[in-house]
C-alpha cells in the first residue's frame, strides 16, 4: 500500500486555473488564478474573484496526499 506524502499547495496551482475558496461565512466560489508570486517555488497566488476583486492568497502550505 502506498505511503502518504506531502506536497506544497503551489504544486497544484497554475496561471489560468481556478481555486475554490471559502469565505468566513462558509460561502464558496471559484476564483481565477491570474498570477503567481515567488520564483522557483511560488508562495502566493494572485486571484480574481467572481465579483472582480483581486487579492493574493498564501499557497506555501503543504497538504498530505493519500
PDB file of N, CA and C in Angstrom:
ATOM      1  N   UNK A   1       0.845  -1.168   0.000  1.00  0.00           N
ATOM      2  CA  UNK A   1       0.000   0.000   0.000  1.00  0.00           C
ATOM      3  C   UNK A   1       0.901   1.245   0.000  1.00  0.00           C
ATOM      4  N   UNK A   2       0.617   2.241  -0.883  1.00  0.00           N
ATOM      5  CA  UNK A   2       1.473   3.433  -0.940  1.00  0.00           C
ATOM      6  C   UNK A   2       1.385   4.264   0.337  1.00  0.00           C
ATOM      7  N   UNK A   3       2.484   4.922   0.639  1.00  0.00           N
ATOM      8  CA  UNK A   3       2.548   5.774   1.826  1.00  0.00           C
ATOM      9  C   UNK A   3       2.017   7.164   1.485  1.00  0.00           C
ATOM     10  N   UNK A   4       1.474   7.832   2.503  1.00  0.00           N
ATOM     11  CA  UNK A   4       1.086   9.226   2.339  1.00  0.00           C
ATOM     12  C   UNK A   4       2.348  10.068   2.197  1.00  0.00           C
ATOM     13  N   UNK A   5       2.258  11.161   1.497  1.00  0.00           N
ATOM     14  CA  UNK A   5       3.384  12.079   1.368  1.00  0.00           C
ATOM     15  C   UNK A   5       2.846  13.500   1.307  1.00  0.00           C
ATOM     16  N   UNK A   6       3.731  14.470   1.478  1.00  0.00           N
ATOM     17  CA  UNK A   6       3.307  15.860   1.481  1.00  0.00           C
ATOM     18  C   UNK A   6       3.841  16.596   0.264  1.00  0.00           C
ATOM     19  N   UNK A   7       3.004  17.498  -0.260  1.00  0.00           N
ATOM     20  CA  UNK A   7       3.385  18.365  -1.380  1.00  0.00           C
ATOM     21  C   UNK A   7       2.880  19.769  -1.087  1.00  0.00           C
ATOM     22  N   UNK A   8       3.583  20.784  -1.569  1.00  0.00           N
ATOM     23  CA  UNK A   8       3.097  22.151  -1.362  1.00  0.00           C
ATOM     24  C   UNK A   8       1.850  22.410  -2.213  1.00  0.00           C
ATOM     25  N   UNK A   9       0.955  23.223  -1.694  1.00  0.00           N
ATOM     26  CA  UNK A   9      -0.248  23.583  -2.440  1.00  0.00           C
ATOM     27  C   UNK A   9       0.128  24.168  -3.799  1.00  0.00           C
ATOM     28  N   UNK A  10       1.252  24.878  -3.855  1.00  0.00           N
ATOM     29  CA  UNK A  10       1.668  25.520  -5.110  1.00  0.00           C
ATOM     30  C   UNK A  10       1.859  24.517  -6.247  1.00  0.00           C
ATOM     31  N   UNK A  11       2.100  23.247  -5.933  1.00  0.00           N
ATOM     32  CA  UNK A  11       2.231  22.220  -6.974  1.00  0.00           C
ATOM     33  C   UNK A  11       0.932  22.018  -7.751  1.00  0.00           C
ATOM     34  N   UNK A  12      -0.188  22.425  -7.159  1.00  0.00           N
ATOM     35  CA  UNK A  12      -1.495  22.202  -7.766  1.00  0.00           C
ATOM     36  C   UNK A  12      -2.097  23.473  -8.361  1.00  0.00           C
ATOM     37  N   UNK A  13      -1.349  24.585  -8.331  1.00  0.00           N
ATOM     38  CA  UNK A  13      -1.871  25.885  -8.763  1.00  0.00           C
ATOM     39  C   UNK A  13      -1.112  26.353 -10.000  1.00  0.00           C
ATOM     40  N   UNK A  14      -1.850  26.811 -11.015  1.00  0.00           N
ATOM     41  CA  UNK A  14      -1.208  27.341 -12.216  1.00  0.00           C
ATOM     42  C   UNK A  14      -2.013  28.525 -12.739  1.00  0.00           C
ATOM     43  N   UNK A  15      -1.320  29.420 -13.429  1.00  0.00           N
ATOM     44  CA  UNK A  15      -1.982  30.579 -14.022  1.00  0.00           C
ATOM     45  C   UNK A  15      -3.012  30.092 -15.035  1.00  0.00           C
ATOM     46  N   UNK A  16      -4.201  30.652 -14.971  1.00  0.00           N
ATOM     47  CA  UNK A  16      -5.289  30.252 -15.852  1.00  0.00           C
ATOM     48  C   UNK A  16      -6.198  29.217 -15.213  1.00  0.00           C
ATOM     49  N   UNK A  17      -5.743  28.615 -14.119  1.00  0.00           N
ATOM     50  CA  UNK A  17      -6.563  27.643 -13.406  1.00  0.00           C
ATOM     51  C   UNK A  17      -7.523  28.334 -12.453  1.00  0.00           C
ATOM     52  N   UNK A  18      -8.246  27.545 -11.693  1.00  0.00           N
ATOM     53  CA  UNK A  18      -9.178  28.098 -10.713  1.00  0.00           C
ATOM     54  C   UNK A  18      -8.933  27.467  -9.354  1.00  0.00           C
ATOM     55  N   UNK A  19      -9.295  28.220  -8.331  1.00  0.00           N
ATOM     56  CA  UNK A  19      -9.255  27.733  -6.953  1.00  0.00           C
ATOM     57  C   UNK A  19     -10.630  27.933  -6.344  1.00  0.00           C
ATOM     58  N   UNK A  20     -11.113  26.953  -5.623  1.00  0.00           N
ATOM     59  CA  UNK A  20     -12.370  27.094  -4.896  1.00  0.00           C
ATOM     60  C   UNK A  20     -12.017  27.622  -3.512  1.00  0.00           C
ATOM     61  N   UNK A  21     -12.427  28.841  -3.217  1.00  0.00           N
ATOM     62  CA  UNK A  21     -12.116  29.479  -1.940  1.00  0.00           C
ATOM     63  C   UNK A  21     -13.396  29.721  -1.161  1.00  0.00           C
ATOM     64  N   UNK A  22     -13.304  29.599   0.165  1.00  0.00           N
ATOM     65  CA  UNK A  22     -14.454  29.776   1.043  1.00  0.00           C
ATOM     66  C   UNK A  22     -14.227  30.992   1.935  1.00  0.00           C
ATOM     67  N   UNK A  23     -15.277  31.810   2.110  1.00  0.00           N
ATOM     68  CA  UNK A  23     -15.153  32.967   2.991  1.00  0.00           C
ATOM     69  C   UNK A  23     -15.544  32.592   4.422  1.00  0.00           C
ATOM     70  N   UNK A  24     -15.483  33.564   5.317  1.00  0.00           N
ATOM     71  CA  UNK A  24     -15.750  33.307   6.737  1.00  0.00           C
ATOM     72  C   UNK A  24     -17.188  32.874   6.993  1.00  0.00           C
ATOM     73  N   UNK A  25     -18.091  33.204   6.078  1.00  0.00           N
ATOM     74  CA  UNK A  25     -19.496  32.813   6.231  1.00  0.00           C
ATOM     75  C   UNK A  25     -19.777  31.419   5.682  1.00  0.00           C
ATOM     76  N   UNK A  26     -18.760  30.765   5.153  1.00  0.00           N
ATOM     77  CA  UNK A  26     -18.926  29.422   4.621  1.00  0.00           C
ATOM     78  C   UNK A  26     -19.382  29.377   3.173  1.00  0.00           C
ATOM     79  N   UNK A  27     -19.390  30.528   2.491  1.00  0.00           N
ATOM     80  CA  UNK A  27     -19.779  30.560   1.084  1.00  0.00           C
ATOM     81  C   UNK A  27     -18.547  30.337   0.217  1.00  0.00           C
ATOM     82  N   UNK A  28     -18.651  29.418  -0.726  1.00  0.00           N
ATOM     83  CA  UNK A  28     -17.512  29.087  -1.587  1.00  0.00           C
ATOM     84  C   UNK A  28     -17.776  29.568  -3.009  1.00  0.00           C
ATOM     85  N   UNK A  29     -16.697  29.942  -3.694  1.00  0.00           N
ATOM     86  CA  UNK A  29     -16.796  30.363  -5.090  1.00  0.00           C
ATOM     87  C   UNK A  29     -15.465  30.085  -5.783  1.00  0.00           C
ATOM     88  N   UNK A  30     -15.543  29.854  -7.093  1.00  0.00           N
ATOM     89  CA  UNK A  30     -14.328  29.654  -7.882  1.00  0.00           C
ATOM     90  C   UNK A  30     -13.679  30.999  -8.163  1.00  0.00           C
ATOM     91  N   UNK A  31     -12.364  31.056  -7.982  1.00  0.00           N
ATOM     92  CA  UNK A  31     -11.574  32.249  -8.247  1.00  0.00           C
ATOM     93  C   UNK A  31     -10.540  31.898  -9.306  1.00  0.00           C
ATOM     94  N   UNK A  32     -10.364  32.770 -10.284  1.00  0.00           N
ATOM     95  CA  UNK A  32      -9.404  32.530 -11.360  1.00  0.00           C
ATOM     96  C   UNK A  32      -8.009  32.943 -10.918  1.00  0.00           C
ATOM     97  N   UNK A  33      -7.020  32.082 -11.169  1.00  0.00           N
ATOM     98  CA  UNK A  33      -5.624  32.395 -10.862  1.00  0.00           C
ATOM     99  C   UNK A  33      -5.070  33.215 -12.026  1.00  0.00           C
ATOM    100  N   UNK A  34      -4.652  34.470 -11.727  1.00  0.00           N
ATOM    101  CA  UNK A  34      -4.160  35.355 -12.783  1.00  0.00           C
ATOM    102  C   UNK A  34      -2.665  35.641 -12.656  1.00  0.00           C
ATOM    103  N   UNK A  35      -2.033  35.136 -11.590  1.00  0.00           N
ATOM    104  CA  UNK A  35      -0.599  35.334 -11.424  1.00  0.00           C
ATOM    105  C   UNK A  35      -0.068  34.565 -10.236  1.00  0.00           C
ATOM    106  N   UNK A  36       1.257  34.414 -10.190  1.00  0.00           N
ATOM    107  CA  UNK A  36       1.920  33.734  -9.077  1.00  0.00           C
ATOM    108  C   UNK A  36       3.003  34.642  -8.515  1.00  0.00           C
ATOM    109  N   UNK A  37       3.222  34.571  -7.211  1.00  0.00           N
ATOM    110  CA  UNK A  37       4.262  35.343  -6.533  1.00  0.00           C
ATOM    111  C   UNK A  37       5.360  34.378  -6.107  1.00  0.00           C
ATOM    112  N   UNK A  38       6.606  34.722  -6.366  1.00  0.00           N
ATOM    113  CA  UNK A  38       7.721  33.858  -5.997  1.00  0.00           C
ATOM    114  C   UNK A  38       8.452  33.366  -7.235  1.00  0.00           C
ATOM    115  N   UNK A  39       9.623  32.837  -7.021  1.00  0.00           N
ATOM    116  CA  UNK A  39      10.455  32.392  -8.137  1.00  0.00           C
ATOM    117  C   UNK A  39      10.288  30.900  -8.398  1.00  0.00           C
ATOM    118  N   UNK A  40      11.258  30.094  -7.965  1.00  0.00           N
ATOM    119  CA  UNK A  40      11.225  28.652  -8.235  1.00  0.00           C
ATOM    120  C   UNK A  40      10.036  27.962  -7.578  1.00  0.00           C
ATOM    121  N   UNK A  41       9.746  28.328  -6.337  1.00  0.00           N
ATOM    122  CA  UNK A  41       8.637  27.728  -5.598  1.00  0.00           C
ATOM    123  C   UNK A  41       7.669  28.850  -5.218  1.00  0.00           C
ATOM    124  N   UNK A  42       6.579  29.036  -5.986  1.00  0.00           N
ATOM    125  CA  UNK A  42       5.656  30.133  -5.685  1.00  0.00           C
ATOM    126  C   UNK A  42       5.103  30.042  -4.261  1.00  0.00           C
ATOM    127  N   UNK A  43       4.964  31.201  -3.624  1.00  0.00           N
ATOM    128  CA  UNK A  43       4.419  31.258  -2.266  1.00  0.00           C
ATOM    129  C   UNK A  43       3.048  31.918  -2.245  1.00  0.00           C
ATOM    130  N   UNK A  44       2.663  32.574  -3.337  1.00  0.00           N
ATOM    131  CA  UNK A  44       1.380  33.264  -3.367  1.00  0.00           C
ATOM    132  C   UNK A  44       0.738  33.173  -4.735  1.00  0.00           C
ATOM    133  N   UNK A  45      -0.588  33.212  -4.736  1.00  0.00           N
ATOM    134  CA  UNK A  45      -1.347  33.229  -5.987  1.00  0.00           C
ATOM    135  C   UNK A  45      -2.175  34.505  -6.024  1.00  0.00           C
ATOM    136  N   UNK A  46      -2.128  35.207  -7.148  1.00  0.00           N
ATOM    137  CA  UNK A  46      -2.983  36.368  -7.351  1.00  0.00           C
ATOM    138  C   UNK A  46      -4.258  35.845  -7.998  1.00  0.00           C
ATOM    139  N   UNK A  47      -5.382  36.072  -7.334  1.00  0.00           N
ATOM    140  CA  UNK A  47      -6.643  35.521  -7.815  1.00  0.00           C
ATOM    141  C   UNK A  47      -7.644  36.638  -8.086  1.00  0.00           C
ATOM    142  N   UNK A  48      -8.578  36.348  -8.972  1.00  0.00           N
ATOM    143  CA  UNK A  48      -9.651  37.258  -9.334  1.00  0.00           C
ATOM    144  C   UNK A  48     -10.957  36.614  -8.894  1.00  0.00           C
ATOM    145  N   UNK A  49     -11.685  37.313  -8.020  1.00  0.00           N
ATOM    146  CA  UNK A  49     -12.941  36.770  -7.505  1.00  0.00           C
ATOM    147  C   UNK A  49     -14.050  36.941  -8.543  1.00  0.00           C
ATOM    148  N   UNK A  50     -15.174  36.239  -8.363  1.00  0.00           N
ATOM    149  CA  UNK A  50     -16.290  36.375  -9.305  1.00  0.00           C
ATOM    150  C   UNK A  50     -16.824  37.808  -9.407  1.00  0.00           C
ATOM    151  N   UNK A  51     -16.663  38.602  -8.345  1.00  0.00           N
ATOM    152  CA  UNK A  51     -17.158  39.986  -8.396  1.00  0.00           C
ATOM    153  C   UNK A  51     -16.072  40.983  -8.806  1.00  0.00           C
ATOM    154  N   UNK A  52     -14.930  40.494  -9.309  1.00  0.00           N
ATOM    155  CA  UNK A  52     -13.907  41.358  -9.872  1.00  0.00           C
ATOM    156  C   UNK A  52     -12.819  41.825  -8.927  1.00  0.00           C
ATOM    157  N   UNK A  53     -12.836  41.396  -7.680  1.00  0.00           N
ATOM    158  CA  UNK A  53     -11.794  41.781  -6.730  1.00  0.00           C
ATOM    159  C   UNK A  53     -10.543  40.930  -6.954  1.00  0.00           C
ATOM    160  N   UNK A  54      -9.372  41.560  -6.823  1.00  0.00           N
ATOM    161  CA  UNK A  54      -8.101  40.847  -6.906  1.00  0.00           C
ATOM    162  C   UNK A  54      -7.471  40.797  -5.526  1.00  0.00           C
ATOM    163  N   UNK A  55      -6.905  39.662  -5.177  1.00  0.00           N
ATOM    164  CA  UNK A  55      -6.163  39.556  -3.929  1.00  0.00           C
ATOM    165  C   UNK A  55      -5.158  38.425  -4.018  1.00  0.00           C
ATOM    166  N   UNK A  56      -4.259  38.386  -3.046  1.00  0.00           N
ATOM    167  CA  UNK A  56      -3.196  37.377  -3.009  1.00  0.00           C
ATOM    168  C   UNK A  56      -3.493  36.391  -1.889  1.00  0.00           C
ATOM    169  N   UNK A  57      -3.378  35.104  -2.185  1.00  0.00           N
ATOM    170  CA  UNK A  57      -3.543  34.086  -1.149  1.00  0.00           C
ATOM    171  C   UNK A  57      -2.227  33.318  -0.992  1.00  0.00           C
ATOM    172  N   UNK A  58      -2.006  32.820   0.200  1.00  0.00           N
ATOM    173  CA  UNK A  58      -0.802  32.048   0.524  1.00  0.00           C
ATOM    174  C   UNK A  58      -0.977  30.622   0.015  1.00  0.00           C
ATOM    175  N   UNK A  59      -0.040  30.169  -0.807  1.00  0.00           N
ATOM    176  CA  UNK A  59      -0.087  28.788  -1.314  1.00  0.00           C
ATOM    177  C   UNK A  59       1.180  28.028  -0.927  1.00  0.00           C
ATOM    178  N   UNK A  60       1.831  28.470   0.155  1.00  0.00           N
ATOM    179  CA  UNK A  60       3.096  27.843   0.554  1.00  0.00           C
ATOM    180  C   UNK A  60       2.910  26.675   1.521  1.00  0.00           C
ATOM    181  N   UNK A  61       1.705  26.488   2.033  1.00  0.00           N
ATOM    182  CA  UNK A  61       1.463  25.396   2.975  1.00  0.00           C
ATOM    183  C   UNK A  61       1.557  24.048   2.259  1.00  0.00           C
ATOM    184  N   UNK A  62       1.737  23.007   3.030  1.00  0.00           N
ATOM    185  CA  UNK A  62       1.812  21.652   2.480  1.00  0.00           C
ATOM    186  C   UNK A  62       0.524  20.894   2.770  1.00  0.00           C
ATOM    187  N   UNK A  63       0.155  20.005   1.869  1.00  0.00           N
ATOM    188  CA  UNK A  63      -1.001  19.140   2.054  1.00  0.00           C
ATOM    189  C   UNK A  63      -0.533  17.693   2.009  1.00  0.00           C
ATOM    190  N   UNK A  64      -1.249  16.832   2.697  1.00  0.00           N
ATOM    191  CA  UNK A  64      -0.946  15.405   2.678  1.00  0.00           C
ATOM    192  C   UNK A  64      -1.700  14.757   1.530  1.00  0.00           C
ATOM    193  N   UNK A  65      -0.980  14.019   0.706  1.00  0.00           N
ATOM    194  CA  UNK A  65      -1.559  13.329  -0.440  1.00  0.00           C
ATOM    195  C   UNK A  65      -1.677  11.858  -0.076  1.00  0.00           C
ATOM    196  N   UNK A  66      -2.856  11.306  -0.260  1.00  0.00           N
ATOM    197  CA  UNK A  66      -3.096   9.891   0.065  1.00  0.00           C
ATOM    198  C   UNK A  66      -2.981   9.039  -1.172  1.00  0.00           C
TER     199      UNK A  66
END
